[in-house]
């Protein structure tokens, strides 16, 4: 599954449900790649993901790789590569 700019444009109240749906749709061996603009927690409006959003994503899905960068050298951005968390067997 590939997301380039969708998640960070969602209203914050819908983001957790989006990540839960990704977890449901992702196959056991699948990969989810997401590109997001970053913003500080104090920025109220406009697109961008916060540290809290990233923590929520990596709590639901297993972080394989994180690459920080900038969008056109101006705005902080991030690529995350994630997979489903391994199932714990009894």
N, C-alpha and C. Protein backbone atom coordinates (compact mmCIF):
# COMPACT_ATOMS: atom_id res chain seq x y z
N UNK A 1 0.87 -1.17 0.00
CA UNK A 1 0.00 0.00 0.00
C UNK A 1 0.91 1.22 0.00
N UNK A 2 0.57 2.21 -0.84
CA UNK A 2 1.37 3.42 -0.95
C UNK A 2 0.51 4.64 -0.66
N UNK A 3 0.98 5.51 0.20
CA UNK A 3 0.30 6.76 0.53
C UNK A 3 1.31 7.90 0.35
N UNK A 4 1.05 8.74 -0.62
CA UNK A 4 1.89 9.91 -0.83
C UNK A 4 1.03 11.14 -0.60
N UNK A 5 1.02 11.61 0.63
CA UNK A 5 0.33 12.85 0.96
C UNK A 5 -1.11 12.75 1.37
N UNK A 6 -1.67 11.56 1.50
CA UNK A 6 -3.08 11.45 1.91
C UNK A 6 -3.24 11.58 3.42
N UNK A 7 -2.49 10.77 4.17
CA UNK A 7 -2.63 10.73 5.63
C UNK A 7 -2.49 12.12 6.24
N UNK A 8 -1.46 12.85 5.85
CA UNK A 8 -1.21 14.14 6.51
C UNK A 8 -2.23 15.21 6.13
N UNK A 9 -3.10 14.91 5.16
CA UNK A 9 -4.16 15.84 4.79
C UNK A 9 -5.49 15.54 5.48
N UNK A 10 -5.58 14.38 6.12
CA UNK A 10 -6.80 14.01 6.84
C UNK A 10 -6.97 14.86 8.10
N UNK A 11 -8.22 15.10 8.51
CA UNK A 11 -8.42 15.73 9.81
C UNK A 11 -7.83 14.82 10.90
N UNK A 12 -7.19 15.39 11.90
CA UNK A 12 -6.58 14.57 12.96
C UNK A 12 -7.52 13.55 13.58
N UNK A 13 -8.82 13.85 13.65
CA UNK A 13 -9.78 12.93 14.26
C UNK A 13 -10.00 11.67 13.44
N UNK A 14 -9.61 11.67 12.15
CA UNK A 14 -9.81 10.50 11.28
C UNK A 14 -8.55 9.67 11.09
N UNK A 15 -7.43 10.13 11.58
CA UNK A 15 -6.16 9.47 11.27
C UNK A 15 -6.01 8.10 11.91
N UNK A 16 -6.48 7.92 13.13
CA UNK A 16 -6.35 6.62 13.80
C UNK A 16 -7.17 5.56 13.05
N UNK A 17 -8.37 5.91 12.64
CA UNK A 17 -9.22 4.96 11.89
C UNK A 17 -8.56 4.59 10.56
N UNK A 18 -7.90 5.54 9.93
CA UNK A 18 -7.19 5.28 8.68
C UNK A 18 -6.10 4.24 8.90
N UNK A 19 -5.30 4.41 9.93
CA UNK A 19 -4.21 3.47 10.21
C UNK A 19 -4.76 2.09 10.57
N UNK A 20 -5.84 2.05 11.33
CA UNK A 20 -6.44 0.75 11.64
C UNK A 20 -6.92 0.05 10.37
N UNK A 21 -7.46 0.79 9.41
CA UNK A 21 -7.92 0.20 8.15
C UNK A 21 -6.73 -0.30 7.34
N UNK A 22 -5.62 0.44 7.34
CA UNK A 22 -4.41 -0.03 6.65
C UNK A 22 -3.98 -1.37 7.24
N UNK A 23 -3.98 -1.46 8.57
CA UNK A 23 -3.59 -2.71 9.23
C UNK A 23 -4.50 -3.86 8.81
N UNK A 24 -5.79 -3.60 8.64
CA UNK A 24 -6.73 -4.63 8.21
C UNK A 24 -6.50 -5.05 6.76
N UNK A 25 -6.18 -4.09 5.89
CA UNK A 25 -6.04 -4.36 4.46
C UNK A 25 -4.69 -4.93 4.08
N UNK A 26 -3.67 -4.67 4.86
CA UNK A 26 -2.32 -5.09 4.53
C UNK A 26 -2.17 -6.60 4.71
N UNK A 27 -1.66 -7.26 3.69
CA UNK A 27 -1.45 -8.71 3.80
C UNK A 27 -0.34 -9.00 4.81
N UNK A 28 -0.26 -10.24 5.25
CA UNK A 28 0.74 -10.64 6.24
C UNK A 28 2.16 -10.29 5.80
N UNK A 29 2.44 -10.42 4.52
CA UNK A 29 3.79 -10.13 4.01
C UNK A 29 3.86 -8.79 3.28
N UNK A 30 2.78 -8.00 3.39
CA UNK A 30 2.71 -6.73 2.67
C UNK A 30 3.53 -5.62 3.31
N UNK A 31 3.72 -4.57 2.55
CA UNK A 31 4.46 -3.39 3.00
C UNK A 31 3.61 -2.16 2.79
N UNK A 32 3.66 -1.25 3.73
CA UNK A 32 2.97 0.04 3.64
C UNK A 32 4.03 1.12 3.63
N UNK A 33 4.04 1.93 2.57
CA UNK A 33 4.97 3.06 2.48
C UNK A 33 4.15 4.33 2.52
N UNK A 34 4.60 5.27 3.35
CA UNK A 34 3.86 6.51 3.53
C UNK A 34 4.82 7.70 3.51
N UNK A 35 4.44 8.73 2.76
CA UNK A 35 5.20 9.98 2.69
C UNK A 35 4.35 11.06 3.33
N UNK A 36 4.95 11.80 4.25
CA UNK A 36 4.20 12.84 4.95
C UNK A 36 5.03 14.10 5.13
N UNK A 37 4.35 15.26 5.08
CA UNK A 37 4.94 16.49 5.56
C UNK A 37 4.89 16.42 7.08
N UNK A 38 5.82 17.06 7.74
CA UNK A 38 5.82 17.11 9.20
C UNK A 38 5.47 18.51 9.66
N UNK A 39 4.86 18.58 10.82
CA UNK A 39 4.60 19.87 11.45
C UNK A 39 4.72 19.68 12.95
N UNK A 40 4.91 20.77 13.65
CA UNK A 40 5.02 20.70 15.10
C UNK A 40 3.63 20.51 15.70
N UNK A 41 3.59 20.02 16.92
CA UNK A 41 2.31 19.79 17.61
C UNK A 41 1.57 21.10 17.84
N UNK A 42 2.29 22.23 17.84
CA UNK A 42 1.65 23.52 18.10
C UNK A 42 0.94 24.08 16.87
N UNK A 43 1.25 23.57 15.67
CA UNK A 43 0.57 24.03 14.46
C UNK A 43 -0.82 23.40 14.42
N UNK A 44 -1.84 24.25 14.45
CA UNK A 44 -3.21 23.76 14.56
C UNK A 44 -3.80 23.42 13.19
N UNK A 45 -3.62 24.26 12.21
CA UNK A 45 -4.27 24.04 10.92
C UNK A 45 -3.26 23.66 9.85
N UNK A 46 -3.80 23.22 8.72
CA UNK A 46 -2.96 22.87 7.59
C UNK A 46 -2.50 21.43 7.64
N UNK A 47 -2.05 20.94 6.48
CA UNK A 47 -1.59 19.55 6.41
C UNK A 47 -0.27 19.35 7.13
N UNK A 48 -0.06 18.13 7.53
CA UNK A 48 1.19 17.76 8.17
C UNK A 48 0.94 16.78 9.29
N UNK A 49 1.91 15.92 9.52
CA UNK A 49 1.83 14.92 10.58
C UNK A 49 2.69 15.38 11.75
N UNK A 50 2.27 15.03 12.94
CA UNK A 50 3.01 15.38 14.16
C UNK A 50 3.75 14.16 14.69
N UNK A 51 4.59 14.38 15.68
CA UNK A 51 5.26 13.26 16.35
C UNK A 51 4.24 12.28 16.92
N UNK A 52 3.14 12.80 17.42
CA UNK A 52 2.08 11.94 17.97
C UNK A 52 1.51 11.03 16.89
N UNK A 53 1.30 11.57 15.69
CA UNK A 53 0.82 10.76 14.57
C UNK A 53 1.79 9.63 14.26
N UNK A 54 3.07 9.96 14.21
CA UNK A 54 4.10 8.95 13.91
C UNK A 54 4.14 7.88 14.99
N UNK A 55 4.03 8.28 16.24
CA UNK A 55 3.99 7.30 17.34
C UNK A 55 2.78 6.39 17.21
N UNK A 56 1.65 6.95 16.83
CA UNK A 56 0.43 6.16 16.67
C UNK A 56 0.59 5.15 15.53
N UNK A 57 1.17 5.58 14.42
CA UNK A 57 1.38 4.68 13.28
C UNK A 57 2.31 3.54 13.67
N UNK A 58 3.42 3.88 14.32
CA UNK A 58 4.42 2.85 14.66
C UNK A 58 3.98 1.99 15.84
N UNK A 59 2.93 2.38 16.53
CA UNK A 59 2.35 1.51 17.55
C UNK A 59 1.49 0.44 16.88
N UNK A 60 0.79 0.82 15.83
CA UNK A 60 -0.11 -0.10 15.12
C UNK A 60 0.63 -0.98 14.12
N UNK A 61 1.69 -0.45 13.50
CA UNK A 61 2.42 -1.16 12.46
C UNK A 61 3.90 -1.19 12.81
N UNK A 62 4.59 -2.21 12.33
CA UNK A 62 6.02 -2.38 12.61
C UNK A 62 6.85 -1.49 11.69
N UNK A 63 7.65 -0.61 12.28
CA UNK A 63 8.51 0.29 11.52
C UNK A 63 9.71 -0.48 10.98
N UNK A 64 9.87 -0.51 9.66
CA UNK A 64 11.00 -1.16 9.01
C UNK A 64 12.09 -0.13 8.72
N UNK A 65 11.66 1.05 8.25
CA UNK A 65 12.64 2.08 7.89
C UNK A 65 12.01 3.46 7.98
N UNK A 66 12.83 4.43 8.39
CA UNK A 66 12.42 5.83 8.46
C UNK A 66 13.48 6.67 7.75
N UNK A 67 13.02 7.52 6.84
CA UNK A 67 13.94 8.44 6.15
C UNK A 67 13.39 9.85 6.26
N UNK A 68 14.11 10.69 6.98
CA UNK A 68 13.72 12.09 7.13
C UNK A 68 14.34 12.90 5.99
N UNK A 69 13.65 13.92 5.57
CA UNK A 69 14.15 14.79 4.52
C UNK A 69 13.41 16.11 4.54
N UNK A 70 13.43 16.78 3.41
CA UNK A 70 12.68 18.03 3.25
C UNK A 70 12.01 18.03 1.89
N UNK A 71 10.86 18.64 1.82
CA UNK A 71 10.13 18.82 0.57
C UNK A 71 10.67 20.08 -0.11
N UNK A 72 11.36 19.89 -1.20
CA UNK A 72 11.97 20.98 -1.96
C UNK A 72 12.89 21.84 -1.10
N UNK A 73 13.48 21.21 -0.08
CA UNK A 73 14.40 21.92 0.79
C UNK A 73 13.76 22.91 1.73
N UNK A 74 12.43 22.91 1.80
CA UNK A 74 11.73 23.92 2.61
C UNK A 74 11.00 23.34 3.83
N UNK A 75 10.31 22.27 3.63
CA UNK A 75 9.42 21.74 4.67
C UNK A 75 9.89 20.36 5.09
N UNK A 76 9.98 20.10 6.40
CA UNK A 76 10.37 18.76 6.85
C UNK A 76 9.39 17.70 6.34
N UNK A 77 9.94 16.57 5.94
CA UNK A 77 9.12 15.47 5.45
C UNK A 77 9.71 14.15 5.93
N UNK A 78 8.95 13.08 5.70
CA UNK A 78 9.38 11.77 6.16
C UNK A 78 8.79 10.68 5.26
N UNK A 79 9.59 9.65 5.02
CA UNK A 79 9.13 8.41 4.40
C UNK A 79 9.19 7.34 5.48
N UNK A 80 8.10 6.62 5.66
CA UNK A 80 8.09 5.47 6.57
C UNK A 80 7.78 4.22 5.75
N UNK A 81 8.50 3.15 6.03
CA UNK A 81 8.21 1.84 5.47
C UNK A 81 7.79 0.97 6.65
N UNK A 82 6.60 0.39 6.55
CA UNK A 82 6.04 -0.36 7.67
C UNK A 82 5.48 -1.70 7.20
N UNK A 83 5.33 -2.61 8.13
CA UNK A 83 4.69 -3.89 7.90
C UNK A 83 3.77 -4.20 9.07
N UNK A 84 2.95 -5.20 8.91
CA UNK A 84 2.07 -5.58 10.02
C UNK A 84 2.91 -6.07 11.19
N UNK A 85 2.44 -5.81 12.38
CA UNK A 85 3.13 -6.34 13.56
C UNK A 85 3.00 -7.86 13.55
N UNK A 86 4.09 -8.55 13.92
CA UNK A 86 4.02 -10.01 13.96
C UNK A 86 2.97 -10.48 14.97
N UNK A 87 2.27 -11.52 14.60
CA UNK A 87 1.29 -12.12 15.50
C UNK A 87 2.02 -12.87 16.60
N UNK A 88 1.53 -12.71 17.82
CA UNK A 88 2.10 -13.41 18.96
C UNK A 88 1.37 -14.75 19.09
N UNK A 89 2.13 -15.84 19.03
CA UNK A 89 1.50 -17.16 19.14
C UNK A 89 1.45 -17.58 20.60
N UNK A 90 0.44 -18.39 20.93
CA UNK A 90 0.27 -18.85 22.32
C UNK A 90 1.18 -19.99 22.64
